């Protein structure tokens, strides 16, 4: 029960999901000195080191940590609690150097007030005041940094979107900025996914072409429409997920059975080493584009080059 409540407290105090785990909960419980039967109103703020968290978890909750886990506790729980304004580093002697063996941590008065109010009518007000004081909490600051570090993608002269950061979305940006002007220069971007938001950009023209926009899980990462040639480019950006395999090809063909234009399937890779990992699983009658050699295509067919089948 206390472990679950501690995780809820971490969320209320603005901690990222990665810290709302058992390690984070035991760390918070230790710094509040709250055992299985200790009321939250009796929480305190002892001065502790990472090793003290391990001892507390073992003594009060029978949670056994290996001795070398203290570095994990420090780097993946205590560090973030300090960043989030929940813990203060060396509150009794702020002048201590970073590598001092006397380095210790304790709950800030503001965080302690929220913790003590858990389960009371004052909790929501105090939690909101705490988040306002610490700039929305660490989760909000991480999200803001993630957004600022996003991948900019220009769809048209006056349309620029920002994808969440990561190699998959970077490859999608390469498809738009490198593949598109070379092999589909007259095309419009009708669909663009995102690792954080599956449907970042969905154009109404998809419905006109007979593409089921309600089945986003069946669509590839990028969909381009070339109205001059009457082609629909269906492009998978291959990083964590696979290429246009025979199974994926069949699934998309089934989903697009009402589509009124010819379909060109493309598996896009960032580099040749990634392509080699998936080469045996790519469907025939599809295309392969590799970002590190953007001027070329590999044609998985024997009778013709780029074009719908």
C-alpha atoms as a PDB file:
ATOM      1  CA  UNK A   1       0.000   0.000   0.000  1.00  0.00           C
ATOM      2  CA  UNK A   2       2.691   2.510   0.994  1.00  0.00           C
ATOM      3  CA  UNK A   3       4.670   1.681  -2.143  1.00  0.00           C
ATOM      4  CA  UNK A   4       1.651   2.450  -4.344  1.00  0.00           C
ATOM      5  CA  UNK A   5       0.947   5.645  -2.441  1.00  0.00           C
ATOM      6  CA  UNK A   6       4.578   6.713  -2.770  1.00  0.00           C
ATOM      7  CA  UNK A   7       4.380   6.284  -6.543  1.00  0.00           C
ATOM      8  CA  UNK A   8       1.221   8.412  -6.609  1.00  0.00           C
ATOM      9  CA  UNK A   9       3.053  11.046  -4.585  1.00  0.00           C
ATOM     10  CA  UNK A  10       5.928  11.048  -7.038  1.00  0.00           C
ATOM     11  CA  UNK A  11       3.454  11.697  -9.846  1.00  0.00           C
ATOM     12  CA  UNK A  12       1.755  14.483  -7.877  1.00  0.00           C
ATOM     13  CA  UNK A  13       5.160  16.073  -7.220  1.00  0.00           C
ATOM     14  CA  UNK A  14       5.827  16.196 -10.956  1.00  0.00           C
ATOM     15  CA  UNK A  15       8.304  13.365 -11.369  1.00  0.00           C
ATOM     16  CA  UNK A  16       8.713  11.675 -14.775  1.00  0.00           C
ATOM     17  CA  UNK A  17       7.187   8.226 -15.305  1.00  0.00           C
ATOM     18  CA  UNK A  18      10.681   6.682 -15.274  1.00  0.00           C
ATOM     19  CA  UNK A  19      11.030   7.644 -11.606  1.00  0.00           C
ATOM     20  CA  UNK A  20       7.541   6.478 -10.610  1.00  0.00           C
ATOM     21  CA  UNK A  21       8.865   2.961 -10.064  1.00  0.00           C
ATOM     22  CA  UNK A  22       9.829   0.828  -7.068  1.00  0.00           C
ATOM     23  CA  UNK A  23      13.284   2.410  -6.747  1.00  0.00           C
ATOM     24  CA  UNK A  24      11.807   5.881  -6.770  1.00  0.00           C
ATOM     25  CA  UNK A  25       9.092   4.897  -4.281  1.00  0.00           C
ATOM     26  CA  UNK A  26      11.502   3.292  -1.793  1.00  0.00           C
ATOM     27  CA  UNK A  27      13.763   6.325  -2.096  1.00  0.00           C
ATOM     28  CA  UNK A  28      10.905   8.700  -1.319  1.00  0.00           C
ATOM     29  CA  UNK A  29       9.749   6.539   1.593  1.00  0.00           C
ATOM     30  CA  UNK A  30      13.273   6.484   3.020  1.00  0.00           C
ATOM     31  CA  UNK A  31      13.716  10.239   2.815  1.00  0.00           C
ATOM     32  CA  UNK A  32      10.304  10.723   4.441  1.00  0.00           C
ATOM     33  CA  UNK A  33      11.059   8.009   7.030  1.00  0.00           C
ATOM     34  CA  UNK A  34       7.662   6.441   6.357  1.00  0.00           C
ATOM     35  CA  UNK A  35       7.391   2.749   7.168  1.00  0.00           C
ATOM     36  CA  UNK A  36       4.502   0.384   6.338  1.00  0.00           C
ATOM     37  CA  UNK A  37       2.441   1.643   9.276  1.00  0.00           C
ATOM     38  CA  UNK A  38       3.736   5.202   9.566  1.00  0.00           C
ATOM     39  CA  UNK A  39       1.032   7.809   8.835  1.00  0.00           C
ATOM     40  CA  UNK A  40       2.018  10.235   6.104  1.00  0.00           C
ATOM     41  CA  UNK A  41       1.311  13.048   8.561  1.00  0.00           C
ATOM     42  CA  UNK A  42       4.280  11.789  10.594  1.00  0.00           C
ATOM     43  CA  UNK A  43       6.728  12.043   7.683  1.00  0.00           C
ATOM     44  CA  UNK A  44      10.042  13.688   8.551  1.00  0.00           C
ATOM     45  CA  UNK A  45      13.183  14.783   6.731  1.00  0.00           C
ATOM     46  CA  UNK A  46      16.215  12.787   7.898  1.00  0.00           C
ATOM     47  CA  UNK A  47      19.592  13.442   6.281  1.00  0.00           C
ATOM     48  CA  UNK A  48      20.481  10.389   4.233  1.00  0.00           C
ATOM     49  CA  UNK A  49      23.008   9.034   1.772  1.00  0.00           C
ATOM     50  CA  UNK A  50      22.252   6.532  -1.047  1.00  0.00           C
ATOM     51  CA  UNK A  51      23.419   3.641   1.131  1.00  0.00           C
ATOM     52  CA  UNK A  52      20.901   4.669   3.807  1.00  0.00           C
ATOM     53  CA  UNK A  53      18.069   4.165   1.294  1.00  0.00           C
ATOM     54  CA  UNK A  54      19.161   0.557   0.779  1.00  0.00           C
ATOM     55  CA  UNK A  55      19.310  -0.065   4.516  1.00  0.00           C
ATOM     56  CA  UNK A  56      15.895   1.552   5.051  1.00  0.00           C
ATOM     57  CA  UNK A  57      14.253  -0.568   2.324  1.00  0.00           C
ATOM     58  CA  UNK A  58      15.690  -3.749   3.854  1.00  0.00           C
ATOM     59  CA  UNK A  59      14.856  -2.912   7.472  1.00  0.00           C
ATOM     60  CA  UNK A  60      11.382  -1.468   7.008  1.00  0.00           C
ATOM     61  CA  UNK A  61      10.057  -3.161   3.855  1.00  0.00           C
ATOM     62  CA  UNK A  62      12.178  -6.325   3.577  1.00  0.00           C
ATOM     63  CA  UNK A  63      13.294  -5.137   0.162  1.00  0.00           C
ATOM     64  CA  UNK A  64      16.811  -6.482  -0.347  1.00  0.00           C
ATOM     65  CA  UNK A  65      19.097  -4.436  -2.583  1.00  0.00           C
ATOM     66  CA  UNK A  66      22.629  -5.441  -3.522  1.00  0.00           C
ATOM     67  CA  UNK A  67      25.263  -3.120  -2.052  1.00  0.00           C
ATOM     68  CA  UNK A  68      26.323  -1.923  -5.483  1.00  0.00           C
ATOM     69  CA  UNK A  69      22.751  -0.728  -6.123  1.00  0.00           C
ATOM     70  CA  UNK A  70      23.444   2.505  -4.240  1.00  0.00           C
ATOM     71  CA  UNK A  71      24.881   4.057  -7.405  1.00  0.00           C
ATOM     72  CA  UNK A  72      21.679   3.190  -9.278  1.00  0.00           C
ATOM     73  CA  UNK A  73      19.653   4.768  -6.473  1.00  0.00           C
ATOM     74  CA  UNK A  74      21.792   7.881  -6.663  1.00  0.00           C
ATOM     75  CA  UNK A  75      21.767   8.248 -10.454  1.00  0.00           C
ATOM     76  CA  UNK A  76      18.215   7.134 -11.256  1.00  0.00           C
ATOM     77  CA  UNK A  77      16.240   8.346  -8.238  1.00  0.00           C
ATOM     78  CA  UNK A  78      18.054  10.783  -5.944  1.00  0.00           C
ATOM     79  CA  UNK A  79      19.499  12.832  -8.807  1.00  0.00           C
ATOM     80  CA  UNK A  80      16.049  13.385 -10.349  1.00  0.00           C
ATOM     81  CA  UNK A  81      14.441  14.122  -6.970  1.00  0.00           C
ATOM     82  CA  UNK A  82      17.001  16.886  -6.491  1.00  0.00           C
ATOM     83  CA  UNK A  83      16.304  18.239  -9.984  1.00  0.00           C
ATOM     84  CA  UNK A  84      12.586  18.204  -9.217  1.00  0.00           C
ATOM     85  CA  UNK A  85      12.937  20.235  -6.046  1.00  0.00           C
ATOM     86  CA  UNK A  86      11.906  17.335  -3.810  1.00  0.00           C
ATOM     87  CA  UNK A  87      15.324  16.738  -2.266  1.00  0.00           C
ATOM     88  CA  UNK A  88      18.009  19.235  -1.307  1.00  0.00           C
ATOM     89  CA  UNK A  89      21.675  18.315  -1.593  1.00  0.00           C
ATOM     90  CA  UNK A  90      23.776  18.979   1.506  1.00  0.00           C
ATOM     91  CA  UNK A  91      21.142  21.128   3.249  1.00  0.00           C
ATOM     92  CA  UNK A  92      23.260  21.236   6.416  1.00  0.00           C
ATOM     93  CA  UNK A  93      26.398  22.353   4.595  1.00  0.00           C
ATOM     94  CA  UNK A  94      25.809  23.609   1.023  1.00  0.00           C
ATOM     95  CA  UNK A  95      29.526  24.435   0.720  1.00  0.00           C
ATOM     96  CA  UNK A  96      30.525  20.752   0.592  1.00  0.00           C
ATOM     97  CA  UNK A  97      32.315  19.857  -2.674  1.00  0.00           C
ATOM     98  CA  UNK A  98      30.656  17.498  -5.158  1.00  0.00           C
ATOM     99  CA  UNK A  99      32.861  14.545  -4.273  1.00  0.00           C
ATOM    100  CA  UNK A 100      32.705  14.982  -0.502  1.00  0.00           C
ATOM    101  CA  UNK A 101      32.139  11.743   1.445  1.00  0.00           C
ATOM    102  CA  UNK A 102      29.852  13.780   3.680  1.00  0.00           C
ATOM    103  CA  UNK A 103      27.404  14.492   0.857  1.00  0.00           C
ATOM    104  CA  UNK A 104      23.851  13.944   2.044  1.00  0.00           C
ATOM    105  CA  UNK A 105      20.300  14.730   0.964  1.00  0.00           C
ATOM    106  CA  UNK A 106      17.004  15.603   2.629  1.00  0.00           C
ATOM    107  CA  UNK A 107      13.441  16.496   1.669  1.00  0.00           C
ATOM    108  CA  UNK A 108      12.828  20.173   1.026  1.00  0.00           C
ATOM    109  CA  UNK A 109      10.330  21.826   3.403  1.00  0.00           C
ATOM    110  CA  UNK A 110       7.927  22.393   0.501  1.00  0.00           C
ATOM    111  CA  UNK A 111       7.981  18.735  -0.585  1.00  0.00           C
ATOM    112  CA  UNK A 112       7.647  17.571   3.021  1.00  0.00           C
ATOM    113  CA  UNK A 113       4.518  19.678   3.441  1.00  0.00           C
ATOM    114  CA  UNK A 114       2.924  17.996   0.417  1.00  0.00           C
ATOM    115  CA  UNK A 115       3.887  14.524   1.627  1.00  0.00           C
ATOM    116  CA  UNK A 116       2.455  15.138   5.087  1.00  0.00           C
ATOM    117  CA  UNK A 117      -0.818  16.295   3.516  1.00  0.00           C
ATOM    118  CA  UNK A 118      -1.300  13.056   1.562  1.00  0.00           C
ATOM    119  CA  UNK A 119      -4.870  11.844   2.001  1.00  0.00           C
ATOM    120  CA  UNK A 120      -6.136  15.176   3.353  1.00  0.00           C
ATOM    121  CA  UNK A 121      -8.277  17.947   1.859  1.00  0.00           C
ATOM    122  CA  UNK A 122      -5.186  20.185   1.654  1.00  0.00           C
ATOM    123  CA  UNK A 123      -3.182  17.826  -0.546  1.00  0.00           C
ATOM    124  CA  UNK A 124      -4.294  19.056  -3.992  1.00  0.00           C
ATOM    125  CA  UNK A 125      -3.744  22.710  -3.084  1.00  0.00           C
ATOM    126  CA  UNK A 126      -0.287  22.081  -1.638  1.00  0.00           C
ATOM    127  CA  UNK A 127       0.731  19.856  -4.564  1.00  0.00           C
ATOM    128  CA  UNK A 128      -0.340  22.552  -7.045  1.00  0.00           C
ATOM    129  CA  UNK A 129       1.558  25.203  -5.114  1.00  0.00           C
ATOM    130  CA  UNK A 130       4.655  22.986  -5.093  1.00  0.00           C
ATOM    131  CA  UNK A 131       4.490  22.404  -8.852  1.00  0.00           C
ATOM    132  CA  UNK A 132       4.077  26.126  -9.461  1.00  0.00           C
ATOM    133  CA  UNK A 133       7.132  26.818  -7.320  1.00  0.00           C
ATOM    134  CA  UNK A 134       9.330  24.302  -9.169  1.00  0.00           C
ATOM    135  CA  UNK A 135       8.244  25.282 -12.661  1.00  0.00           C
ATOM    136  CA  UNK A 136       5.675  22.559 -13.233  1.00  0.00           C
ATOM    137  CA  UNK A 137       7.801  19.689 -11.988  1.00  0.00           C
ATOM    138  CA  UNK A 138      10.636  17.719 -13.511  1.00  0.00           C
ATOM    139  CA  UNK A 139       8.350  15.794 -15.877  1.00  0.00           C
ATOM    140  CA  UNK A 140       7.122  19.067 -17.392  1.00  0.00           C
ATOM    141  CA  UNK A 141      10.675  20.390 -17.758  1.00  0.00           C
ATOM    142  CA  UNK A 142      11.830  17.164 -19.386  1.00  0.00           C
ATOM    143  CA  UNK A 143       8.878  17.359 -21.793  1.00  0.00           C
ATOM    144  CA  UNK A 144       9.712  20.969 -22.659  1.00  0.00           C
ATOM    145  CA  UNK A 145      13.339  20.068 -23.366  1.00  0.00           C
ATOM    146  CA  UNK A 146      12.217  17.114 -25.454  1.00  0.00           C
ATOM    147  CA  UNK A 147       9.956  19.356 -27.499  1.00  0.00           C
ATOM    148  CA  UNK A 148      12.709  21.925 -28.016  1.00  0.00           C
ATOM    149  CA  UNK A 149      15.023  19.148 -29.180  1.00  0.00           C
ATOM    150  CA  UNK A 150      12.461  17.875 -31.675  1.00  0.00           C
ATOM    151  CA  UNK A 151      13.011  17.233 -35.381  1.00  0.00           C
ATOM    152  CA  UNK A 152      11.712  19.991 -37.670  1.00  0.00           C
ATOM    153  CA  UNK A 153      10.006  18.780 -40.861  1.00  0.00           C
ATOM    154  CA  UNK A 154       8.923  21.153 -43.620  1.00  0.00           C
ATOM    155  CA  UNK A 155       5.900  19.858 -45.541  1.00  0.00           C
ATOM    156  CA  UNK A 156       5.317  22.974 -47.642  1.00  0.00           C
ATOM    157  CA  UNK A 157       6.557  26.561 -47.848  1.00  0.00           C
ATOM    158  CA  UNK A 158       4.339  27.634 -44.964  1.00  0.00           C
ATOM    159  CA  UNK A 159       3.928  24.332 -43.111  1.00  0.00           C
ATOM    160  CA  UNK A 160       6.592  23.100 -40.690  1.00  0.00           C
ATOM    161  CA  UNK A 161       5.961  20.435 -38.074  1.00  0.00           C
ATOM    162  CA  UNK A 162       8.155  19.369 -35.170  1.00  0.00           C
ATOM    163  CA  UNK A 163       8.515  15.658 -34.541  1.00  0.00           C
ATOM    164  CA  UNK A 164       9.621  14.299 -31.202  1.00  0.00           C
ATOM    165  CA  UNK A 165      13.394  13.617 -31.085  1.00  0.00           C
ATOM    166  CA  UNK A 166      14.830  10.234 -31.980  1.00  0.00           C
ATOM    167  CA  UNK A 167      16.428   8.296 -34.825  1.00  0.00           C
ATOM    168  CA  UNK A 168      13.098   7.084 -36.216  1.00  0.00           C
ATOM    169  CA  UNK A 169      11.712  10.599 -36.637  1.00  0.00           C
ATOM    170  CA  UNK A 170      15.065  11.808 -37.956  1.00  0.00           C
ATOM    171  CA  UNK A 171      14.762   9.191 -40.696  1.00  0.00           C
ATOM    172  CA  UNK A 172      11.211  10.324 -41.428  1.00  0.00           C
ATOM    173  CA  UNK A 173      12.523  13.871 -41.815  1.00  0.00           C
ATOM    174  CA  UNK A 174      15.105  12.550 -44.295  1.00  0.00           C
ATOM    175  CA  UNK A 175      12.306  10.916 -46.281  1.00  0.00           C
ATOM    176  CA  UNK A 176      10.516  14.269 -46.538  1.00  0.00           C
ATOM    177  CA  UNK A 177      13.602  16.390 -47.199  1.00  0.00           C
ATOM    178  CA  UNK A 178      15.740  13.995 -49.266  1.00  0.00           C
ATOM    179  CA  UNK A 179      13.639  11.198 -50.800  1.00  0.00           C
ATOM    180  CA  UNK A 180      10.640  13.328 -51.703  1.00  0.00           C
ATOM    181  CA  UNK A 181      12.383  15.987 -53.855  1.00  0.00           C
ATOM    182  CA  UNK A 182      14.358  13.293 -55.712  1.00  0.00           C
ATOM    183  CA  UNK A 183      11.706  10.667 -56.414  1.00  0.00           C
ATOM    184  CA  UNK A 184       8.352  12.345 -55.757  1.00  0.00           C
ATOM    185  CA  UNK A 185       8.984  16.065 -56.342  1.00  0.00           C
ATOM    186  CA  UNK A 186       5.369  16.847 -57.223  1.00  0.00           C
ATOM    187  CA  UNK A 187       3.948  14.965 -54.277  1.00  0.00           C
ATOM    188  CA  UNK A 188       2.004  16.191 -51.275  1.00  0.00           C
ATOM    189  CA  UNK A 189       2.496  14.809 -47.752  1.00  0.00           C
ATOM    190  CA  UNK A 190      -0.839  13.239 -46.825  1.00  0.00           C
ATOM    191  CA  UNK A 191       0.234  11.377 -43.710  1.00  0.00           C
ATOM    192  CA  UNK A 192       3.131  11.651 -41.286  1.00  0.00           C
ATOM    193  CA  UNK A 193       3.391   9.638 -38.093  1.00  0.00           C
ATOM    194  CA  UNK A 194       5.383  10.354 -34.954  1.00  0.00           C
ATOM    195  CA  UNK A 195       6.874   8.111 -32.280  1.00  0.00           C
ATOM    196  CA  UNK A 196       5.057  10.103 -29.578  1.00  0.00           C
ATOM    197  CA  UNK A 197       1.892  10.853 -31.560  1.00  0.00           C
ATOM    198  CA  UNK A 198       1.039   8.234 -34.146  1.00  0.00           C
ATOM    199  CA  UNK A 199      -0.931  10.635 -36.361  1.00  0.00           C
ATOM    200  CA  UNK A 200       0.939  13.932 -36.389  1.00  0.00           C
ATOM    201  CA  UNK A 201      -0.263  15.014 -39.834  1.00  0.00           C
ATOM    202  CA  UNK A 202      -3.346  13.604 -41.604  1.00  0.00           C
ATOM    203  CA  UNK A 203      -4.609  15.234 -44.818  1.00  0.00           C
ATOM    204  CA  UNK A 204      -8.299  15.013 -45.725  1.00  0.00           C
ATOM    205  CA  UNK A 205      -7.279  14.032 -49.264  1.00  0.00           C
ATOM    206  CA  UNK A 206      -6.631  10.504 -47.967  1.00  0.00           C
ATOM    207  CA  UNK A 207     -10.379   9.890 -47.755  1.00  0.00           C
ATOM    208  CA  UNK A 208     -10.862  11.044 -51.349  1.00  0.00           C
ATOM    209  CA  UNK A 209      -8.245   8.520 -52.470  1.00  0.00           C
ATOM    210  CA  UNK A 210      -9.946   5.686 -50.614  1.00  0.00           C
ATOM    211  CA  UNK A 211      -7.381   5.465 -47.808  1.00  0.00           C
ATOM    212  CA  UNK A 212      -8.994   4.490 -44.473  1.00  0.00           C
ATOM    213  CA  UNK A 213      -7.727   7.208 -42.117  1.00  0.00           C
ATOM    214  CA  UNK A 214      -9.434   5.503 -39.177  1.00  0.00           C
ATOM    215  CA  UNK A 215      -6.982   2.596 -39.467  1.00  0.00           C
ATOM    216  CA  UNK A 216      -3.785   4.432 -38.553  1.00  0.00           C
ATOM    217  CA  UNK A 217      -2.158   1.224 -37.364  1.00  0.00           C
ATOM    218  CA  UNK A 218      -2.375  -0.101 -40.929  1.00  0.00           C
ATOM    219  CA  UNK A 219      -0.743   2.948 -42.502  1.00  0.00           C
ATOM    220  CA  UNK A 220       3.032   3.275 -42.938  1.00  0.00           C
ATOM    221  CA  UNK A 221       5.060   6.089 -41.400  1.00  0.00           C
ATOM    222  CA  UNK A 222       4.861   8.443 -44.390  1.00  0.00           C
ATOM    223  CA  UNK A 223       2.295   8.675 -47.192  1.00  0.00           C
ATOM    224  CA  UNK A 224       2.984  10.868 -50.245  1.00  0.00           C
ATOM    225  CA  UNK A 225       0.590  11.468 -53.144  1.00  0.00           C
ATOM    226  CA  UNK A 226       1.864  12.357 -56.612  1.00  0.00           C
ATOM    227  CA  UNK A 227      -1.232  13.595 -58.486  1.00  0.00           C
ATOM    228  CA  UNK A 228       0.614  14.014 -61.791  1.00  0.00           C
ATOM    229  CA  UNK A 229       1.509  10.334 -62.016  1.00  0.00           C
ATOM    230  CA  UNK A 230      -1.406   9.078 -59.943  1.00  0.00           C
ATOM    231  CA  UNK A 231       0.921   7.352 -57.462  1.00  0.00           C
ATOM    232  CA  UNK A 232       0.662   6.909 -53.728  1.00  0.00           C
ATOM    233  CA  UNK A 233       4.016   6.400 -51.968  1.00  0.00           C
ATOM    234  CA  UNK A 234       3.691   4.276 -48.827  1.00  0.00           C
ATOM    235  CA  UNK A 235       6.966   4.571 -46.919  1.00  0.00           C
ATOM    236  CA  UNK A 236       8.113   2.683 -43.841  1.00  0.00           C
ATOM    237  CA  UNK A 237      10.967   4.349 -41.921  1.00  0.00           C
ATOM    238  CA  UNK A 238      12.835   1.306 -40.632  1.00  0.00           C
ATOM    239  CA  UNK A 239      14.525   1.648 -37.251  1.00  0.00           C
ATOM    240  CA  UNK A 240      12.903  -0.284 -34.411  1.00  0.00           C
ATOM    241  CA  UNK A 241      10.143  -1.703 -36.627  1.00  0.00           C
ATOM    242  CA  UNK A 242      10.578  -3.758 -39.752  1.00  0.00           C
ATOM    243  CA  UNK A 243      10.441  -2.987 -43.480  1.00  0.00           C
ATOM    244  CA  UNK A 244       7.678  -3.636 -45.985  1.00  0.00           C
ATOM    245  CA  UNK A 245       7.712  -7.400 -45.570  1.00  0.00           C
ATOM    246  CA  UNK A 246       5.382  -9.771 -47.457  1.00  0.00           C
ATOM    247  CA  UNK A 247       3.089  -9.788 -44.415  1.00  0.00           C
ATOM    248  CA  UNK A 248       3.123  -5.986 -44.105  1.00  0.00           C
ATOM    249  CA  UNK A 249       2.567  -5.661 -47.842  1.00  0.00           C
ATOM    250  CA  UNK A 250      -0.502  -7.911 -47.676  1.00  0.00           C
ATOM    251  CA  UNK A 251      -1.886  -6.021 -44.672  1.00  0.00           C
ATOM    252  CA  UNK A 252      -1.572  -2.664 -46.392  1.00  0.00           C
ATOM    253  CA  UNK A 253      -3.002  -3.954 -49.651  1.00  0.00           C
ATOM    254  CA  UNK A 254      -6.005  -5.255 -47.753  1.00  0.00           C
ATOM    255  CA  UNK A 255      -6.437  -1.952 -45.893  1.00  0.00           C
ATOM    256  CA  UNK A 256      -6.115  -0.028 -49.183  1.00  0.00           C
ATOM    257  CA  UNK A 257      -8.398  -2.198 -51.322  1.00  0.00           C
ATOM    258  CA  UNK A 258     -10.645   0.836 -51.983  1.00  0.00           C
ATOM    259  CA  UNK A 259      -7.709   3.075 -52.918  1.00  0.00           C
ATOM    260  CA  UNK A 260      -8.156   4.609 -56.370  1.00  0.00           C
ATOM    261  CA  UNK A 261      -4.469   5.267 -57.261  1.00  0.00           C
ATOM    262  CA  UNK A 262      -1.406   3.120 -57.874  1.00  0.00           C
ATOM    263  CA  UNK A 263       0.648   2.254 -54.828  1.00  0.00           C
ATOM    264  CA  UNK A 264       4.433   2.355 -54.467  1.00  0.00           C
ATOM    265  CA  UNK A 265       5.825   0.669 -51.356  1.00  0.00           C
ATOM    266  CA  UNK A 266       9.151   1.901 -49.992  1.00  0.00           C
ATOM    267  CA  UNK A 267      11.303   0.714 -47.090  1.00  0.00           C
ATOM    268  CA  UNK A 268      13.542   3.583 -45.958  1.00  0.00           C
ATOM    269  CA  UNK A 269      16.768   3.041 -44.009  1.00  0.00           C
ATOM    270  CA  UNK A 270      19.246   5.457 -42.486  1.00  0.00           C
ATOM    271  CA  UNK A 271      22.305   3.448 -43.535  1.00  0.00           C
ATOM    272  CA  UNK A 272      23.391   0.340 -45.451  1.00  0.00           C
ATOM    273  CA  UNK A 273      24.215  -1.512 -42.239  1.00  0.00           C
ATOM    274  CA  UNK A 274      20.551  -1.205 -41.202  1.00  0.00           C
ATOM    275  CA  UNK A 275      19.354  -2.331 -44.628  1.00  0.00           C
ATOM    276  CA  UNK A 276      21.533  -5.446 -44.449  1.00  0.00           C
ATOM    277  CA  UNK A 277      19.808  -6.523 -41.215  1.00  0.00           C
ATOM    278  CA  UNK A 278      16.429  -6.583 -42.969  1.00  0.00           C
ATOM    279  CA  UNK A 279      17.335  -7.381 -46.582  1.00  0.00           C
ATOM    280  CA  UNK A 280      15.975 -10.944 -46.469  1.00  0.00           C
ATOM    281  CA  UNK A 281      12.586  -9.816 -45.156  1.00  0.00           C
ATOM    282  CA  UNK A 282      11.691  -7.159 -47.730  1.00  0.00           C
ATOM    283  CA  UNK A 283       8.771  -7.950 -50.049  1.00  0.00           C
ATOM    284  CA  UNK A 284       9.256  -8.265 -53.793  1.00  0.00           C
ATOM    285  CA  UNK A 285       7.769  -5.543 -55.986  1.00  0.00           C
ATOM    286  CA  UNK A 286       8.765  -2.875 -53.466  1.00  0.00           C
ATOM    287  CA  UNK A 287      11.480  -0.235 -53.311  1.00  0.00           C
ATOM    288  CA  UNK A 288      14.341   0.436 -50.896  1.00  0.00           C
ATOM    289  CA  UNK A 289      15.790   3.876 -50.187  1.00  0.00           C
ATOM    290  CA  UNK A 290      18.878   4.441 -48.016  1.00  0.00           C
ATOM    291  CA  UNK A 291      19.443   7.924 -46.610  1.00  0.00           C
ATOM    292  CA  UNK A 292      23.246   7.762 -46.769  1.00  0.00           C
ATOM    293  CA  UNK A 293      22.971   7.232 -50.548  1.00  0.00           C
ATOM    294  CA  UNK A 294      19.935   9.465 -51.207  1.00  0.00           C
ATOM    295  CA  UNK A 295      20.239   9.639 -55.011  1.00  0.00           C
ATOM    296  CA  UNK A 296      19.607   5.916 -55.534  1.00  0.00           C
ATOM    297  CA  UNK A 297      16.920   3.276 -55.106  1.00  0.00           C
ATOM    298  CA  UNK A 298      17.133  -0.490 -54.821  1.00  0.00           C
ATOM    299  CA  UNK A 299      14.359  -2.188 -56.766  1.00  0.00           C
ATOM    300  CA  UNK A 300      13.059  -5.450 -55.336  1.00  0.00           C
ATOM    301  CA  UNK A 301      11.670  -6.672 -58.631  1.00  0.00           C
ATOM    302  CA  UNK A 302      12.774  -8.207 -61.907  1.00  0.00           C
ATOM    303  CA  UNK A 303      10.656  -6.655 -64.628  1.00  0.00           C
ATOM    304  CA  UNK A 304      10.406  -2.921 -64.025  1.00  0.00           C
ATOM    305  CA  UNK A 305      11.635   0.033 -61.994  1.00  0.00           C
ATOM    306  CA  UNK A 306       9.875   2.548 -59.783  1.00  0.00           C
ATOM    307  CA  UNK A 307       6.106   2.519 -60.128  1.00  0.00           C
ATOM    308  CA  UNK A 308       2.944   0.831 -58.880  1.00  0.00           C
ATOM    309  CA  UNK A 309       2.332  -2.835 -59.658  1.00  0.00           C
END
